[in-house]
Amino acid sequence: MKKAWSVILAIVFGAILLGAVCIGVGYITGADISRITAVIEGSPVHAYVQMLIQYWNEAVTTATDYASTIHLF
């Protein structure tokens, strides 16, 4: 199982490195940053991540509101 995780982490690291290289080449060739951000923000993954962040914030707010109403001592 340890070897499987090392392979998975190597693939993830390689994908991140490849993405960074692509963005760097885009900057070097004169790409506009607004085009890069438009592609990232237009992806369904970005929308899903934003939805998860919103749900997480709501859950934390609800939990802290509930915890503030409980007086343990």
N, C-alpha and C. Protein backbone atom coordinates (compact mmCIF):
# COMPACT_ATOMS: atom_id res chain seq x y z
N MET A 1 0.82 -1.18 0.00
CA MET A 1 0.00 0.00 0.00
C MET A 1 0.87 1.26 0.00
N LYS A 2 2.01 1.18 0.67
CA LYS A 2 2.91 2.33 0.72
C LYS A 2 3.43 2.67 -0.67
N LYS A 3 3.70 1.65 -1.47
CA LYS A 3 4.19 1.89 -2.82
C LYS A 3 3.09 2.52 -3.68
N ALA A 4 1.85 2.12 -3.46
CA ALA A 4 0.74 2.70 -4.22
C ALA A 4 0.61 4.19 -3.93
N TRP A 5 0.73 4.58 -2.66
CA TRP A 5 0.64 6.00 -2.32
C TRP A 5 1.81 6.78 -2.92
N SER A 6 2.97 6.20 -2.95
CA SER A 6 4.11 6.91 -3.54
C SER A 6 3.90 7.10 -5.04
N VAL A 7 3.29 6.13 -5.70
CA VAL A 7 3.00 6.27 -7.14
C VAL A 7 1.93 7.35 -7.35
N ILE A 8 0.89 7.34 -6.51
CA ILE A 8 -0.17 8.34 -6.63
C ILE A 8 0.40 9.74 -6.40
N LEU A 9 1.21 9.91 -5.37
CA LEU A 9 1.81 11.21 -5.09
C LEU A 9 2.74 11.65 -6.21
N ALA A 10 3.45 10.72 -6.82
CA ALA A 10 4.33 11.06 -7.94
C ALA A 10 3.52 11.55 -9.13
N ILE A 11 2.39 10.91 -9.39
CA ILE A 11 1.53 11.34 -10.49
C ILE A 11 0.95 12.72 -10.22
N VAL A 12 0.48 12.95 -8.99
CA VAL A 12 -0.08 14.26 -8.64
C VAL A 12 1.00 15.34 -8.74
N PHE A 13 2.17 15.06 -8.21
CA PHE A 13 3.27 16.03 -8.29
C PHE A 13 3.64 16.31 -9.74
N GLY A 14 3.66 15.27 -10.57
CA GLY A 14 3.96 15.46 -11.99
C GLY A 14 2.91 16.32 -12.69
N ALA A 15 1.64 16.12 -12.34
CA ALA A 15 0.58 16.93 -12.95
C ALA A 15 0.69 18.39 -12.53
N ILE A 16 0.99 18.62 -11.25
CA ILE A 16 1.16 20.00 -10.78
C ILE A 16 2.35 20.65 -11.45
N LEU A 17 3.44 19.91 -11.57
CA LEU A 17 4.64 20.43 -12.22
C LEU A 17 4.37 20.74 -13.69
N LEU A 18 3.66 19.86 -14.37
CA LEU A 18 3.33 20.09 -15.77
C LEU A 18 2.44 21.33 -15.92
N GLY A 19 1.48 21.50 -15.03
CA GLY A 19 0.64 22.69 -15.07
C GLY A 19 1.43 23.96 -14.86
N ALA A 20 2.37 23.93 -13.92
CA ALA A 20 3.21 25.10 -13.66
C ALA A 20 4.08 25.42 -14.86
N VAL A 21 4.62 24.40 -15.50
CA VAL A 21 5.44 24.61 -16.70
C VAL A 21 4.60 25.22 -17.81
N CYS A 22 3.38 24.72 -17.98
CA CYS A 22 2.51 25.26 -19.03
C CYS A 22 2.16 26.72 -18.78
N ILE A 23 1.88 27.07 -17.54
CA ILE A 23 1.59 28.47 -17.23
C ILE A 23 2.84 29.32 -17.43
N GLY A 24 3.99 28.81 -17.04
CA GLY A 24 5.24 29.54 -17.25
C GLY A 24 5.53 29.78 -18.73
N VAL A 25 5.32 28.76 -19.54
CA VAL A 25 5.52 28.92 -20.99
C VAL A 25 4.51 29.92 -21.55
N GLY A 26 3.30 29.91 -21.00
CA GLY A 26 2.31 30.88 -21.43
C GLY A 26 2.74 32.30 -21.13
N TYR A 27 3.31 32.51 -19.95
CA TYR A 27 3.83 33.84 -19.62
C TYR A 27 4.97 34.25 -20.55
N ILE A 28 5.86 33.32 -20.81
CA ILE A 28 7.02 33.62 -21.66
C ILE A 28 6.59 33.99 -23.07
N THR A 29 5.58 33.30 -23.59
CA THR A 29 5.14 33.56 -24.95
C THR A 29 4.17 34.73 -25.05
N GLY A 30 3.91 35.40 -23.93
CA GLY A 30 3.10 36.60 -23.97
C GLY A 30 1.61 36.38 -23.77
N ALA A 31 1.25 35.30 -23.13
CA ALA A 31 -0.16 35.05 -22.89
C ALA A 31 -0.71 36.03 -21.87
N ASP A 32 -1.98 36.33 -22.00
CA ASP A 32 -2.63 37.24 -21.08
C ASP A 32 -3.15 36.45 -19.89
N ILE A 33 -2.91 36.95 -18.68
CA ILE A 33 -3.32 36.22 -17.47
C ILE A 33 -4.83 36.10 -17.39
N SER A 34 -5.56 37.02 -17.96
CA SER A 34 -7.02 36.94 -17.89
C SER A 34 -7.55 35.73 -18.66
N ARG A 35 -6.86 35.34 -19.72
CA ARG A 35 -7.27 34.14 -20.47
C ARG A 35 -7.04 32.89 -19.64
N ILE A 36 -5.92 32.85 -18.93
CA ILE A 36 -5.61 31.68 -18.10
C ILE A 36 -6.63 31.56 -16.98
N THR A 37 -6.91 32.67 -16.29
CA THR A 37 -7.88 32.61 -15.19
C THR A 37 -9.29 32.32 -15.69
N ALA A 38 -9.62 32.79 -16.89
CA ALA A 38 -10.95 32.50 -17.44
C ALA A 38 -11.12 31.00 -17.70
N VAL A 39 -10.07 30.35 -18.18
CA VAL A 39 -10.14 28.91 -18.42
C VAL A 39 -10.27 28.15 -17.10
N ILE A 40 -9.49 28.57 -16.09
CA ILE A 40 -9.54 27.88 -14.80
C ILE A 40 -10.91 28.09 -14.15
N GLU A 41 -11.41 29.32 -14.15
CA GLU A 41 -12.68 29.61 -13.50
C GLU A 41 -13.87 29.05 -14.27
N GLY A 42 -13.69 28.76 -15.54
CA GLY A 42 -14.77 28.21 -16.34
C GLY A 42 -14.90 26.70 -16.26
N SER A 43 -13.96 26.06 -15.60
CA SER A 43 -13.99 24.60 -15.54
C SER A 43 -15.00 24.12 -14.51
N PRO A 44 -15.59 22.95 -14.74
CA PRO A 44 -16.53 22.40 -13.76
C PRO A 44 -15.86 22.06 -12.42
N VAL A 45 -14.58 21.76 -12.46
CA VAL A 45 -13.86 21.43 -11.22
C VAL A 45 -13.82 22.67 -10.32
N HIS A 46 -13.59 23.83 -10.91
CA HIS A 46 -13.55 25.07 -10.14
C HIS A 46 -14.90 25.32 -9.47
N ALA A 47 -15.98 25.11 -10.21
CA ALA A 47 -17.32 25.31 -9.65
C ALA A 47 -17.57 24.32 -8.51
N TYR A 48 -17.13 23.09 -8.67
CA TYR A 48 -17.31 22.08 -7.62
C TYR A 48 -16.52 22.44 -6.37
N VAL A 49 -15.29 22.89 -6.55
CA VAL A 49 -14.47 23.28 -5.41
C VAL A 49 -15.09 24.48 -4.69
N GLN A 50 -15.59 25.45 -5.45
CA GLN A 50 -16.25 26.60 -4.84
C GLN A 50 -17.48 26.17 -4.04
N MET A 51 -18.23 25.20 -4.57
CA MET A 51 -19.41 24.70 -3.86
C MET A 51 -18.99 24.01 -2.56
N LEU A 52 -17.92 23.21 -2.60
CA LEU A 52 -17.43 22.55 -1.39
C LEU A 52 -16.97 23.56 -0.34
N ILE A 53 -16.30 24.62 -0.79
CA ILE A 53 -15.85 25.67 0.13
C ILE A 53 -17.05 26.36 0.77
N GLN A 54 -18.08 26.62 0.00
CA GLN A 54 -19.29 27.25 0.53
C GLN A 54 -19.96 26.35 1.56
N TYR A 55 -20.10 25.05 1.26
CA TYR A 55 -20.70 24.11 2.21
C TYR A 55 -19.86 24.02 3.49
N TRP A 56 -18.55 24.00 3.34
CA TRP A 56 -17.67 23.93 4.50
C TRP A 56 -17.85 25.16 5.38
N ASN A 57 -17.89 26.34 4.77
CA ASN A 57 -18.08 27.56 5.53
C ASN A 57 -19.42 27.56 6.27
N GLU A 58 -20.47 27.09 5.60
CA GLU A 58 -21.78 27.01 6.26
C GLU A 58 -21.77 26.02 7.42
N ALA A 59 -21.09 24.89 7.24
CA ALA A 59 -21.02 23.89 8.31
C ALA A 59 -20.25 24.42 9.51
N VAL A 60 -19.15 25.11 9.25
CA VAL A 60 -18.36 25.66 10.35
C VAL A 60 -19.15 26.74 11.07
N THR A 61 -19.83 27.59 10.32
CA THR A 61 -20.64 28.65 10.94
C THR A 61 -21.75 28.04 11.79
N THR A 62 -22.42 27.02 11.28
CA THR A 62 -23.49 26.37 12.03
C THR A 62 -22.93 25.72 13.29
N ALA A 63 -21.80 25.05 13.18
CA ALA A 63 -21.20 24.38 14.33
C ALA A 63 -20.76 25.39 15.39
N THR A 64 -20.17 26.49 14.98
CA THR A 64 -19.73 27.48 15.96
C THR A 64 -20.91 28.20 16.59
N ASP A 65 -21.97 28.44 15.82
CA ASP A 65 -23.17 29.04 16.39
C ASP A 65 -23.79 28.11 17.43
N TYR A 66 -23.85 26.83 17.11
CA TYR A 66 -24.41 25.85 18.03
C TYR A 66 -23.54 25.73 19.27
N ALA A 67 -22.22 25.70 19.07
CA ALA A 67 -21.30 25.56 20.20
C ALA A 67 -21.37 26.78 21.12
N SER A 68 -21.66 27.94 20.58
CA SER A 68 -21.73 29.13 21.43
C SER A 68 -23.01 29.14 22.28
N THR A 69 -24.01 28.36 21.90
CA THR A 69 -25.25 28.31 22.70
C THR A 69 -25.18 27.28 23.81
N ILE A 70 -24.21 26.38 23.74
CA ILE A 70 -24.07 25.34 24.77
C ILE A 70 -23.14 25.86 25.86
N HIS A 71 -23.62 25.78 27.08
CA HIS A 71 -22.79 26.20 28.23
C HIS A 71 -22.44 24.95 29.02
N LEU A 72 -21.21 24.51 28.86
CA LEU A 72 -20.81 23.26 29.50
C LEU A 72 -20.47 23.45 30.98
N PHE A 73 -20.09 24.62 31.37
CA PHE A 73 -19.69 24.84 32.76
C PHE A 73 -20.54 25.92 33.38
